[in-house]
Amino acid sequence: MTWLTSLRCAAAVALPLAVALPAAQAGGLPAQARIVYDVLYGSAELRIGRAEQRWRVQDGRYELQTELIPLVGPQVRYVSRGSVGAQGLVPESFAEFRGSSDTPRVQAEFDWSQRVLRYGRTGERKEAPLSPGAQDVNVLPYQLAWQGQASPSKLQVATGKKVAVYSFTPAAATRVRLQGQALSALPLRSVESDGDRTEVWLAPQLDHLPVRVMRMDEDKELRFVARELQRGAAAR
């Protein structure tokens, strides 16, 4: 499943019409951010690679690129684009690229005018009704960051390969360390409609940016643990 599970081989809605906010911020999100994660596999937390995210919002539009660099296997890149609405992020497109290819392996397109979500491999597109507040899985943690401490409702989420409903509930705040600093983190936990599980840990001291993400299904567990984070005008 997209950037949360693509290292598997190495180991074995918002409103349809966006209301633009000031370019400097999207909700409480910074105009720019860069996060580098260690990617850990299983309960033993074996390091199998790293992931680097670059976030940018300008003139009411956002872009998020996530690049996976595994210790073994091809690099994978995910690109999410959309607009900024009164309720948060309004996705327009999501694409997954493998290696050096500029041709998407899978895509998701959010047609808000027709209320249709189109997704899948090129030439094998599927369609699903598009629900208000829908997100793609790459940018999902940033929508949760937008919502901050507000308890999120159920969200339709597209991975490019499938569509599921995520139901997040908050857990008790806990402490994490990042770049030598102790931070409070707010875990949000979801059991999806297809039985998979996701956790996103938001850091209120860092604009609620995701400092940890965990993904579990029936045969694997992946953890993304932030080790570098830049935000604001200094992020580049």
C-alpha atoms as a PDB file:
ATOM      1  CA  MET A   1       0.000   0.000   0.000  1.00  0.00           C
ATOM      2  CA  THR A   2       1.792   3.089  -1.286  1.00  0.00           C
ATOM      3  CA  TRP A   3       4.486   4.718   0.762  1.00  0.00           C
ATOM      4  CA  LEU A   4       3.479   2.959   3.966  1.00  0.00           C
ATOM      5  CA  THR A   5       4.143  -0.519   2.580  1.00  0.00           C
ATOM      6  CA  SER A   6       6.290  -0.325  -0.540  1.00  0.00           C
ATOM      7  CA  LEU A   7       9.433  -1.486   1.303  1.00  0.00           C
ATOM      8  CA  ARG A   8       7.771  -4.885   1.738  1.00  0.00           C
ATOM      9  CA  CYS A   9      10.027  -6.449  -0.918  1.00  0.00           C
ATOM     10  CA  ALA A  10      13.120  -5.160   0.836  1.00  0.00           C
ATOM     11  CA  ALA A  11      12.037  -6.932   3.994  1.00  0.00           C
ATOM     12  CA  ALA A  12      10.934 -10.329   2.503  1.00  0.00           C
ATOM     13  CA  VAL A  13     -13.252  15.366   2.502  1.00  0.00           C
ATOM     14  CA  ALA A  14     -12.657  18.387   2.064  1.00  0.00           C
ATOM     15  CA  LEU A  15     -14.913  20.680   0.056  1.00  0.00           C
ATOM     16  CA  PRO A  16     -15.081  20.120  -3.713  1.00  0.00           C
ATOM     17  CA  LEU A  17     -14.506  23.837  -4.305  1.00  0.00           C
ATOM     18  CA  ALA A  18     -11.376  24.991  -2.485  1.00  0.00           C
ATOM     19  CA  VAL A  19     -11.405  28.199  -0.474  1.00  0.00           C
ATOM     20  CA  ALA A  20      -7.833  29.498  -0.636  1.00  0.00           C
ATOM     21  CA  LEU A  21      -6.070  30.411   2.587  1.00  0.00           C
ATOM     22  CA  PRO A  22      -2.965  32.625   2.826  1.00  0.00           C
ATOM     23  CA  ALA A  23      -0.021  31.115   0.988  1.00  0.00           C
ATOM     24  CA  ALA A  24       2.208  31.138   4.076  1.00  0.00           C
ATOM     25  CA  GLN A  25       0.219  28.444   5.845  1.00  0.00           C
ATOM     26  CA  ALA A  26      -2.300  25.682   5.324  1.00  0.00           C
ATOM     27  CA  GLY A  27      -4.266  25.588   8.561  1.00  0.00           C
ATOM     28  CA  GLY A  28      -1.519  25.141  11.141  1.00  0.00           C
ATOM     29  CA  LEU A  29       0.871  23.574   8.638  1.00  0.00           C
ATOM     30  CA  PRO A  30       4.114  25.298   7.629  1.00  0.00           C
ATOM     31  CA  ALA A  31       4.582  26.603   4.111  1.00  0.00           C
ATOM     32  CA  GLN A  32       7.451  24.149   3.669  1.00  0.00           C
ATOM     33  CA  ALA A  33       8.723  21.089   5.513  1.00  0.00           C
ATOM     34  CA  ARG A  34      11.247  18.299   5.062  1.00  0.00           C
ATOM     35  CA  ILE A  35      11.125  15.112   7.142  1.00  0.00           C
ATOM     36  CA  VAL A  36      13.541  12.183   6.993  1.00  0.00           C
ATOM     37  CA  TYR A  37      12.340   8.883   8.487  1.00  0.00           C
ATOM     38  CA  ASP A  38      14.105   5.655   9.368  1.00  0.00           C
ATOM     39  CA  VAL A  39      11.992   2.765   8.103  1.00  0.00           C
ATOM     40  CA  LEU A  40      11.826  -0.165  10.533  1.00  0.00           C
ATOM     41  CA  TYR A  41      10.397  -3.622   9.946  1.00  0.00           C
ATOM     42  CA  GLY A  42       8.618  -5.898  12.423  1.00  0.00           C
ATOM     43  CA  SER A  43       8.679  -6.044  16.208  1.00  0.00           C
ATOM     44  CA  ALA A  44      12.487  -6.268  16.109  1.00  0.00           C
ATOM     45  CA  GLU A  45      12.491  -2.863  14.358  1.00  0.00           C
ATOM     46  CA  LEU A  46      15.047  -3.903  11.756  1.00  0.00           C
ATOM     47  CA  ARG A  47      16.101  -0.857   9.746  1.00  0.00           C
ATOM     48  CA  ILE A  48      15.427  -1.547   6.067  1.00  0.00           C
ATOM     49  CA  GLY A  49      15.765   1.916   4.559  1.00  0.00           C
ATOM     50  CA  ARG A  50      14.779   5.546   4.875  1.00  0.00           C
ATOM     51  CA  ALA A  51      12.064   7.832   3.567  1.00  0.00           C
ATOM     52  CA  GLU A  52      12.274  11.527   2.789  1.00  0.00           C
ATOM     53  CA  GLN A  53       9.253  13.793   2.541  1.00  0.00           C
ATOM     54  CA  ARG A  54       9.110  17.296   1.079  1.00  0.00           C
ATOM     55  CA  TRP A  55       5.993  19.366   1.692  1.00  0.00           C
ATOM     56  CA  ARG A  56       5.151  22.710   0.107  1.00  0.00           C
ATOM     57  CA  VAL A  57       2.049  24.907   0.013  1.00  0.00           C
ATOM     58  CA  GLN A  58       1.880  28.108  -2.023  1.00  0.00           C
ATOM     59  CA  ASP A  59      -0.939  30.236  -3.440  1.00  0.00           C
ATOM     60  CA  GLY A  60      -3.589  27.893  -2.110  1.00  0.00           C
ATOM     61  CA  ARG A  61      -2.027  24.747  -3.602  1.00  0.00           C
ATOM     62  CA  TYR A  62       0.059  21.973  -2.044  1.00  0.00           C
ATOM     63  CA  GLU A  63       2.500  19.316  -3.192  1.00  0.00           C
ATOM     64  CA  LEU A  64       3.924  16.443  -1.155  1.00  0.00           C
ATOM     65  CA  GLN A  65       6.692  14.211  -2.460  1.00  0.00           C
ATOM     66  CA  THR A  66       7.750  11.110  -0.550  1.00  0.00           C
ATOM     67  CA  GLU A  67      10.807   9.177  -1.665  1.00  0.00           C
ATOM     68  CA  LEU A  68      11.608   5.710  -0.308  1.00  0.00           C
ATOM     69  CA  ILE A  69      15.227   4.622  -0.397  1.00  0.00           C
ATOM     70  CA  PRO A  70      15.425   0.939   0.628  1.00  0.00           C
ATOM     71  CA  LEU A  71      18.646  -0.853   1.522  1.00  0.00           C
ATOM     72  CA  VAL A  72      17.622  -3.429  -1.085  1.00  0.00           C
ATOM     73  CA  GLY A  73      15.436  -2.880  -4.141  1.00  0.00           C
ATOM     74  CA  PRO A  74      14.350   0.075  -6.301  1.00  0.00           C
ATOM     75  CA  GLN A  75      13.567   3.532  -5.018  1.00  0.00           C
ATOM     76  CA  VAL A  76       9.912   4.496  -4.956  1.00  0.00           C
ATOM     77  CA  ARG A  77       8.470   8.011  -5.188  1.00  0.00           C
ATOM     78  CA  TYR A  78       4.976   9.254  -4.403  1.00  0.00           C
ATOM     79  CA  VAL A  79       3.614  12.614  -5.491  1.00  0.00           C
ATOM     80  CA  SER A  80       0.403  14.165  -4.143  1.00  0.00           C
ATOM     81  CA  ARG A  81      -1.039  17.430  -5.431  1.00  0.00           C
ATOM     82  CA  GLY A  82      -4.142  19.392  -4.636  1.00  0.00           C
ATOM     83  CA  SER A  83      -5.611  22.607  -3.286  1.00  0.00           C
ATOM     84  CA  VAL A  84      -6.193  24.051   0.146  1.00  0.00           C
ATOM     85  CA  GLY A  85      -9.812  24.289   1.271  1.00  0.00           C
ATOM     86  CA  ALA A  86     -11.686  25.596   4.287  1.00  0.00           C
ATOM     87  CA  GLN A  87     -11.689  22.079   5.801  1.00  0.00           C
ATOM     88  CA  GLY A  88      -8.110  21.194   4.919  1.00  0.00           C
ATOM     89  CA  LEU A  89      -6.481  19.504   1.968  1.00  0.00           C
ATOM     90  CA  VAL A  90      -8.449  18.811  -1.213  1.00  0.00           C
ATOM     91  CA  PRO A  91      -6.590  16.125  -3.220  1.00  0.00           C
ATOM     92  CA  GLU A  92      -6.556  16.242  -6.990  1.00  0.00           C
ATOM     93  CA  SER A  93      -3.974  13.623  -7.960  1.00  0.00           C
ATOM     94  CA  PHE A  94      -1.710  10.949  -6.507  1.00  0.00           C
ATOM     95  CA  ALA A  95       0.915   8.922  -8.367  1.00  0.00           C
ATOM     96  CA  GLU A  96       3.500   6.243  -7.587  1.00  0.00           C
ATOM     97  CA  PHE A  97       6.764   6.010  -9.540  1.00  0.00           C
ATOM     98  CA  ARG A  98       9.349   3.208  -9.442  1.00  0.00           C
ATOM     99  CA  GLY A  99      13.090   3.637 -10.002  1.00  0.00           C
ATOM    100  CA  SER A 100      13.980   6.328 -12.543  1.00  0.00           C
ATOM    101  CA  SER A 101      10.739   5.988 -14.504  1.00  0.00           C
ATOM    102  CA  ASP A 102       8.637   9.097 -15.114  1.00  0.00           C
ATOM    103  CA  THR A 103       5.614   6.938 -15.936  1.00  0.00           C
ATOM    104  CA  PRO A 104       3.308   6.362 -12.950  1.00  0.00           C
ATOM    105  CA  ARG A 105       2.902   2.754 -11.853  1.00  0.00           C
ATOM    106  CA  VAL A 106      -0.442   3.512 -10.198  1.00  0.00           C
ATOM    107  CA  GLN A 107      -2.486   6.682  -9.913  1.00  0.00           C
ATOM    108  CA  ALA A 108      -5.543   8.142  -8.230  1.00  0.00           C
ATOM    109  CA  GLU A 109      -7.537  11.070  -9.601  1.00  0.00           C
ATOM    110  CA  PHE A 110     -10.118  12.946  -7.540  1.00  0.00           C
ATOM    111  CA  ASP A 111     -12.905  14.290  -9.757  1.00  0.00           C
ATOM    112  CA  TRP A 112     -14.841  16.495  -7.356  1.00  0.00           C
ATOM    113  CA  SER A 113     -17.162  17.870 -10.038  1.00  0.00           C
ATOM    114  CA  GLN A 114     -18.413  14.358 -10.880  1.00  0.00           C
ATOM    115  CA  ARG A 115     -17.837  12.957  -7.360  1.00  0.00           C
ATOM    116  CA  VAL A 116     -15.804  10.105  -8.832  1.00  0.00           C
ATOM    117  CA  LEU A 117     -12.512   8.626  -7.650  1.00  0.00           C
ATOM    118  CA  ARG A 118     -10.524   6.992 -10.457  1.00  0.00           C
ATOM    119  CA  TYR A 119      -7.600   4.800  -9.445  1.00  0.00           C
ATOM    120  CA  GLY A 120      -5.395   1.882 -10.455  1.00  0.00           C
ATOM    121  CA  ARG A 121      -2.719   1.019 -12.989  1.00  0.00           C
ATOM    122  CA  THR A 122      -2.599   2.709 -16.371  1.00  0.00           C
ATOM    123  CA  GLY A 123      -5.109   0.949 -18.617  1.00  0.00           C
ATOM    124  CA  GLU A 124      -6.741  -0.784 -15.641  1.00  0.00           C
ATOM    125  CA  ARG A 125      -8.567   2.101 -14.013  1.00  0.00           C
ATOM    126  CA  LYS A 126     -11.355   1.515 -11.532  1.00  0.00           C
ATOM    127  CA  GLU A 127     -13.949   3.952 -10.264  1.00  0.00           C
ATOM    128  CA  ALA A 128     -15.517   4.522  -6.867  1.00  0.00           C
ATOM    129  CA  PRO A 129     -17.921   7.142  -5.503  1.00  0.00           C
ATOM    130  CA  LEU A 130     -15.897  10.019  -4.059  1.00  0.00           C
ATOM    131  CA  SER A 131     -16.796  10.852  -0.465  1.00  0.00           C
ATOM    132  CA  PRO A 132     -16.493  14.319   1.119  1.00  0.00           C
ATOM    133  CA  GLY A 133     -13.154  14.637   2.919  1.00  0.00           C
ATOM    134  CA  ALA A 134     -11.463  11.876   0.907  1.00  0.00           C
ATOM    135  CA  GLN A 135      -7.642  11.807   0.919  1.00  0.00           C
ATOM    136  CA  ASP A 136      -4.820   9.888  -0.691  1.00  0.00           C
ATOM    137  CA  VAL A 137      -2.664   7.799   1.624  1.00  0.00           C
ATOM    138  CA  ASN A 138       0.515   9.791   0.978  1.00  0.00           C
ATOM    139  CA  VAL A 139      -0.911  13.124   2.130  1.00  0.00           C
ATOM    140  CA  LEU A 140      -3.247  11.663   4.776  1.00  0.00           C
ATOM    141  CA  PRO A 141      -0.921  12.418   7.755  1.00  0.00           C
ATOM    142  CA  TYR A 142      -0.831  16.073   6.688  1.00  0.00           C
ATOM    143  CA  GLN A 143      -4.628  16.283   6.701  1.00  0.00           C
ATOM    144  CA  LEU A 144      -4.536  14.837  10.215  1.00  0.00           C
ATOM    145  CA  ALA A 145      -1.900  17.462  11.077  1.00  0.00           C
ATOM    146  CA  TRP A 146      -4.261  20.141   9.719  1.00  0.00           C
ATOM    147  CA  GLN A 147      -6.984  18.881  12.040  1.00  0.00           C
ATOM    148  CA  GLY A 148      -4.519  18.970  14.942  1.00  0.00           C
ATOM    149  CA  GLN A 149      -6.001  17.942  18.254  1.00  0.00           C
ATOM    150  CA  ALA A 150      -9.520  17.729  16.847  1.00  0.00           C
ATOM    151  CA  SER A 151     -10.727  14.140  16.770  1.00  0.00           C
ATOM    152  CA  PRO A 152     -10.828  13.144  13.090  1.00  0.00           C
ATOM    153  CA  SER A 153     -13.889  11.546  11.605  1.00  0.00           C
ATOM    154  CA  LYS A 154     -13.939   8.636   9.210  1.00  0.00           C
ATOM    155  CA  LEU A 155     -12.021   9.302   6.022  1.00  0.00           C
ATOM    156  CA  GLN A 156     -12.131   7.643   2.625  1.00  0.00           C
ATOM    157  CA  VAL A 157      -8.512   6.984   1.583  1.00  0.00           C
ATOM    158  CA  ALA A 158      -7.152   6.006  -1.833  1.00  0.00           C
ATOM    159  CA  THR A 159      -3.830   4.182  -2.154  1.00  0.00           C
ATOM    160  CA  GLY A 160      -3.751   4.066  -5.926  1.00  0.00           C
ATOM    161  CA  LYS A 161      -4.456   0.331  -5.731  1.00  0.00           C
ATOM    162  CA  LYS A 162      -7.537   0.308  -3.525  1.00  0.00           C
ATOM    163  CA  VAL A 163      -9.942   2.454  -1.537  1.00  0.00           C
ATOM    164  CA  ALA A 164     -10.759   1.964   2.143  1.00  0.00           C
ATOM    165  CA  VAL A 165     -12.359   3.831   5.045  1.00  0.00           C
ATOM    166  CA  TYR A 166     -10.015   4.853   7.871  1.00  0.00           C
ATOM    167  CA  SER A 167     -11.519   5.479  11.322  1.00  0.00           C
ATOM    168  CA  PHE A 168      -8.995   7.278  13.542  1.00  0.00           C
ATOM    169  CA  THR A 169      -9.304   7.615  17.314  1.00  0.00           C
ATOM    170  CA  PRO A 170      -6.865   9.537  19.539  1.00  0.00           C
ATOM    171  CA  ALA A 171      -4.714   7.820  22.165  1.00  0.00           C
ATOM    172  CA  ALA A 172      -2.945   9.258  25.198  1.00  0.00           C
ATOM    173  CA  ALA A 173      -0.057  11.626  24.505  1.00  0.00           C
ATOM    174  CA  THR A 174       3.394  10.122  24.779  1.00  0.00           C
ATOM    175  CA  ARG A 175       7.011  11.334  24.619  1.00  0.00           C
ATOM    176  CA  VAL A 176       9.376  10.886  21.685  1.00  0.00           C
ATOM    177  CA  ARG A 177      12.863  12.163  20.906  1.00  0.00           C
ATOM    178  CA  LEU A 178      13.803  13.947  17.702  1.00  0.00           C
ATOM    179  CA  GLN A 179      17.161  15.560  16.980  1.00  0.00           C
ATOM    180  CA  GLY A 180      18.040  15.392  20.683  1.00  0.00           C
ATOM    181  CA  GLN A 181      14.815  17.071  21.785  1.00  0.00           C
ATOM    182  CA  ALA A 182      12.060  15.489  23.877  1.00  0.00           C
ATOM    183  CA  LEU A 183       8.651  16.111  22.331  1.00  0.00           C
ATOM    184  CA  SER A 184       5.053  15.322  23.132  1.00  0.00           C
ATOM    185  CA  ALA A 185       3.336  13.226  20.455  1.00  0.00           C
ATOM    186  CA  LEU A 186      -0.359  12.533  19.927  1.00  0.00           C
ATOM    187  CA  PRO A 187      -0.990   9.053  18.471  1.00  0.00           C
ATOM    188  CA  LEU A 188      -4.019   8.602  16.223  1.00  0.00           C
ATOM    189  CA  ARG A 189      -4.959   4.972  15.602  1.00  0.00           C
ATOM    190  CA  SER A 190      -7.134   3.517  12.877  1.00  0.00           C
ATOM    191  CA  VAL A 191      -8.532   0.123  11.977  1.00  0.00           C
ATOM    192  CA  GLU A 192      -9.444   0.253   8.291  1.00  0.00           C
ATOM    193  CA  SER A 193     -12.482  -1.223   6.639  1.00  0.00           C
ATOM    194  CA  ASP A 194     -10.217  -3.859   5.042  1.00  0.00           C
ATOM    195  CA  GLY A 195      -8.734  -4.909   8.410  1.00  0.00           C
ATOM    196  CA  ASP A 196      -5.377  -3.123   8.120  1.00  0.00           C
ATOM    197  CA  ARG A 197      -4.197  -0.798  10.878  1.00  0.00           C
ATOM    198  CA  THR A 198      -2.484   2.580  10.819  1.00  0.00           C
ATOM    199  CA  GLU A 199      -1.021   4.901  13.444  1.00  0.00           C
ATOM    200  CA  VAL A 200       0.033   8.510  12.892  1.00  0.00           C
ATOM    201  CA  TRP A 201       1.855  10.350  15.695  1.00  0.00           C
ATOM    202  CA  LEU A 202       1.536  14.140  15.508  1.00  0.00           C
ATOM    203  CA  ALA A 203       3.889  16.593  17.273  1.00  0.00           C
ATOM    204  CA  PRO A 204       2.002  19.687  18.526  1.00  0.00           C
ATOM    205  CA  GLN A 205       5.305  21.533  19.119  1.00  0.00           C
ATOM    206  CA  LEU A 206       6.138  21.082  15.410  1.00  0.00           C
ATOM    207  CA  ASP A 207       2.898  22.255  13.780  1.00  0.00           C
ATOM    208  CA  HIS A 208       1.410  18.777  14.397  1.00  0.00           C
ATOM    209  CA  LEU A 209       3.670  17.304  11.706  1.00  0.00           C
ATOM    210  CA  PRO A 210       3.827  13.474  11.643  1.00  0.00           C
ATOM    211  CA  VAL A 211       6.909  12.279  13.546  1.00  0.00           C
ATOM    212  CA  ARG A 212       5.951   8.591  13.438  1.00  0.00           C
ATOM    213  CA  VAL A 213       3.759   6.486  11.179  1.00  0.00           C
ATOM    214  CA  MET A 214       3.069   2.804  11.669  1.00  0.00           C
ATOM    215  CA  ARG A 215       1.366   0.464   9.225  1.00  0.00           C
ATOM    216  CA  MET A 216       0.263  -3.089  10.017  1.00  0.00           C
ATOM    217  CA  ASP A 217      -1.540  -5.741   8.005  1.00  0.00           C
ATOM    218  CA  GLU A 218      -1.861  -9.496   8.305  1.00  0.00           C
ATOM    219  CA  ASP A 219       1.761 -10.270   7.425  1.00  0.00           C
ATOM    220  CA  LYS A 220       3.939  -7.221   8.150  1.00  0.00           C
ATOM    221  CA  GLU A 221       4.534  -4.207  10.340  1.00  0.00           C
ATOM    222  CA  LEU A 222       6.382  -1.095   9.180  1.00  0.00           C
ATOM    223  CA  ARG A 223       7.337   1.921  11.278  1.00  0.00           C
ATOM    224  CA  PHE A 224       8.455   5.294   9.969  1.00  0.00           C
ATOM    225  CA  VAL A 225      10.364   7.126  12.711  1.00  0.00           C
ATOM    226  CA  ALA A 226      11.455  10.720  12.061  1.00  0.00           C
ATOM    227  CA  ARG A 227      15.129  11.518  12.641  1.00  0.00           C
ATOM    228  CA  GLU A 228      15.327  14.903  10.875  1.00  0.00           C
ATOM    229  CA  LEU A 229      12.698  17.603  10.543  1.00  0.00           C
ATOM    230  CA  GLN A 230      12.865  21.095   9.053  1.00  0.00           C
ATOM    231  CA  ARG A 231       9.927  23.436   8.615  1.00  0.00           C
ATOM    232  CA  GLY A 232       9.035  26.941   7.544  1.00  0.00           C
ATOM    233  CA  ALA A 233      11.109  29.115   5.234  1.00  0.00           C
ATOM    234  CA  ALA A 234      14.289  27.236   6.193  1.00  0.00           C
ATOM    235  CA  ALA A 235      13.001  23.924   4.823  1.00  0.00           C
ATOM    236  CA  ARG A 236      14.339  23.323   1.321  1.00  0.00           C
END
